[in-house]
Amino acid sequence: MDVRVLDPTTHMSGGQYVVFWQYLFANVFQGFWARFLAVAFLCLAAYFGIRRRNFQMFVLFFICALFVTFLGYPLAKMAGML
């Protein structure tokens, strides 16, 4: 598999890429969707940590939940995306 396929700037311009992330942080990582994603990530973390006993997946989903909950909006605002 060619690694360049994973580079988003090969599929869209740099400006469109920045607009995409601005929209994502302005609308998804704030309000209802941020709460929904945080709860979903916490539920997945609990499922993988308790039921499946997969510590790596537990840590991954827990860190995702922390990112969405505490770091998503402030980091975007600090980076000038909002």
C-alpha atoms as a PDB file:
ATOM      1  CA  MET A   1       0.000   0.000   0.000  1.00  0.00           C
ATOM      2  CA  ASP A   2       1.259   3.427  -0.897  1.00  0.00           C
ATOM      3  CA  VAL A   3       1.619   5.658   2.168  1.00  0.00           C
ATOM      4  CA  ARG A   4       0.812   8.800   0.167  1.00  0.00           C
ATOM      5  CA  VAL A   5      -2.819   7.671   0.054  1.00  0.00           C
ATOM      6  CA  LEU A   6      -3.067   8.520   3.776  1.00  0.00           C
ATOM      7  CA  ASP A   7      -1.899  12.121   3.226  1.00  0.00           C
ATOM      8  CA  PRO A   8      -5.034  14.318   3.202  1.00  0.00           C
ATOM      9  CA  THR A   9      -3.351  17.056   1.183  1.00  0.00           C
ATOM     10  CA  THR A  10      -3.190  14.739  -1.825  1.00  0.00           C
ATOM     11  CA  HIS A  11      -7.003  14.648  -1.868  1.00  0.00           C
ATOM     12  CA  MET A  12      -7.737  18.312  -1.085  1.00  0.00           C
ATOM     13  CA  SER A  13      -5.963  21.634  -1.015  1.00  0.00           C
ATOM     14  CA  GLY A  14      -4.314  23.006   2.105  1.00  0.00           C
ATOM     15  CA  GLY A  15      -7.060  25.594   2.524  1.00  0.00           C
ATOM     16  CA  GLN A  16      -9.798  22.977   2.382  1.00  0.00           C
ATOM     17  CA  TYR A  17      -7.896  20.900   4.933  1.00  0.00           C
ATOM     18  CA  VAL A  18      -7.726  23.832   7.364  1.00  0.00           C
ATOM     19  CA  VAL A  19     -11.420  24.639   6.827  1.00  0.00           C
ATOM     20  CA  PHE A  20     -12.289  20.995   7.528  1.00  0.00           C
ATOM     21  CA  TRP A  21     -10.507  21.058  10.885  1.00  0.00           C
ATOM     22  CA  GLN A  22     -11.970  24.458  11.773  1.00  0.00           C
ATOM     23  CA  TYR A  23     -15.469  23.112  11.109  1.00  0.00           C
ATOM     24  CA  LEU A  24     -14.735  19.965  13.076  1.00  0.00           C
ATOM     25  CA  PHE A  25     -13.514  21.822  16.158  1.00  0.00           C
ATOM     26  CA  ALA A  26     -16.201  24.511  15.954  1.00  0.00           C
ATOM     27  CA  ASN A  27     -19.128  22.109  15.613  1.00  0.00           C
ATOM     28  CA  VAL A  28     -18.204  18.593  16.641  1.00  0.00           C
ATOM     29  CA  PHE A  29     -15.791  19.036  19.549  1.00  0.00           C
ATOM     30  CA  GLN A  30     -18.123  21.454  21.323  1.00  0.00           C
ATOM     31  CA  GLY A  31     -21.626  21.038  22.690  1.00  0.00           C
ATOM     32  CA  PHE A  32     -23.786  17.944  22.182  1.00  0.00           C
ATOM     33  CA  TRP A  33     -21.414  16.068  19.872  1.00  0.00           C
ATOM     34  CA  ALA A  34     -18.473  16.524  22.223  1.00  0.00           C
ATOM     35  CA  ARG A  35     -20.493  15.071  25.061  1.00  0.00           C
ATOM     36  CA  PHE A  36     -21.746  12.243  22.855  1.00  0.00           C
ATOM     37  CA  LEU A  37     -18.226  11.365  21.668  1.00  0.00           C
ATOM     38  CA  ALA A  38     -16.852  11.538  25.212  1.00  0.00           C
ATOM     39  CA  VAL A  39     -19.556   9.203  26.531  1.00  0.00           C
ATOM     40  CA  ALA A  40     -19.084   6.847  23.570  1.00  0.00           C
ATOM     41  CA  PHE A  41     -15.319   6.725  24.105  1.00  0.00           C
ATOM     42  CA  LEU A  42     -15.770   6.138  27.841  1.00  0.00           C
ATOM     43  CA  CYS A  43     -18.239   3.322  27.169  1.00  0.00           C
ATOM     44  CA  LEU A  44     -15.841   1.745  24.687  1.00  0.00           C
ATOM     45  CA  ALA A  45     -12.987   2.123  27.171  1.00  0.00           C
ATOM     46  CA  ALA A  46     -15.047   0.421  29.868  1.00  0.00           C
ATOM     47  CA  TYR A  47     -16.098  -2.347  27.476  1.00  0.00           C
ATOM     48  CA  PHE A  48     -12.565  -3.103  26.342  1.00  0.00           C
ATOM     49  CA  GLY A  49     -11.080  -2.675  29.823  1.00  0.00           C
ATOM     50  CA  ILE A  50     -13.624  -4.721  31.773  1.00  0.00           C
ATOM     51  CA  ARG A  51     -15.249  -7.157  29.374  1.00  0.00           C
ATOM     52  CA  ARG A  52     -12.465  -7.828  26.867  1.00  0.00           C
ATOM     53  CA  ARG A  53      -9.560  -7.233  29.269  1.00  0.00           C
ATOM     54  CA  ASN A  54      -7.655  -5.431  26.539  1.00  0.00           C
ATOM     55  CA  PHE A  55      -5.627  -2.788  28.362  1.00  0.00           C
ATOM     56  CA  GLN A  56      -4.229  -1.137  25.218  1.00  0.00           C
ATOM     57  CA  MET A  57      -7.683  -0.466  23.764  1.00  0.00           C
ATOM     58  CA  PHE A  58      -8.881   0.758  27.159  1.00  0.00           C
ATOM     59  CA  VAL A  59      -6.059   3.297  27.309  1.00  0.00           C
ATOM     60  CA  LEU A  60      -6.610   4.368  23.687  1.00  0.00           C
ATOM     61  CA  PHE A  61     -10.329   5.054  24.118  1.00  0.00           C
ATOM     62  CA  PHE A  62      -9.804   6.685  27.515  1.00  0.00           C
ATOM     63  CA  ILE A  63      -7.230   9.073  26.032  1.00  0.00           C
ATOM     64  CA  CYS A  64      -9.630   9.835  23.154  1.00  0.00           C
ATOM     65  CA  ALA A  65     -12.349  10.655  25.686  1.00  0.00           C
ATOM     66  CA  LEU A  66      -9.988  12.921  27.622  1.00  0.00           C
ATOM     67  CA  PHE A  67      -8.933  14.668  24.426  1.00  0.00           C
ATOM     68  CA  VAL A  68     -12.504  15.354  23.339  1.00  0.00           C
ATOM     69  CA  THR A  69     -13.573  16.387  26.820  1.00  0.00           C
ATOM     70  CA  PHE A  70     -10.734  18.563  28.014  1.00  0.00           C
ATOM     71  CA  LEU A  71      -8.392  19.396  25.148  1.00  0.00           C
ATOM     72  CA  GLY A  72     -10.401  19.580  21.921  1.00  0.00           C
ATOM     73  CA  TYR A  73     -11.886  23.059  22.143  1.00  0.00           C
ATOM     74  CA  PRO A  74      -9.119  24.812  24.135  1.00  0.00           C
ATOM     75  CA  LEU A  75      -6.366  23.500  21.848  1.00  0.00           C
ATOM     76  CA  ALA A  76      -8.276  24.557  18.744  1.00  0.00           C
ATOM     77  CA  LYS A  77      -8.844  28.029  20.205  1.00  0.00           C
ATOM     78  CA  MET A  78      -5.203  28.335  21.230  1.00  0.00           C
ATOM     79  CA  ALA A  79      -4.046  27.207  17.772  1.00  0.00           C
ATOM     80  CA  GLY A  80      -6.204  29.895  16.159  1.00  0.00           C
ATOM     81  CA  MET A  81      -8.590  27.460  14.508  1.00  0.00           C
ATOM     82  CA  LEU A  82     -11.619  29.092  16.161  1.00  0.00           C
END
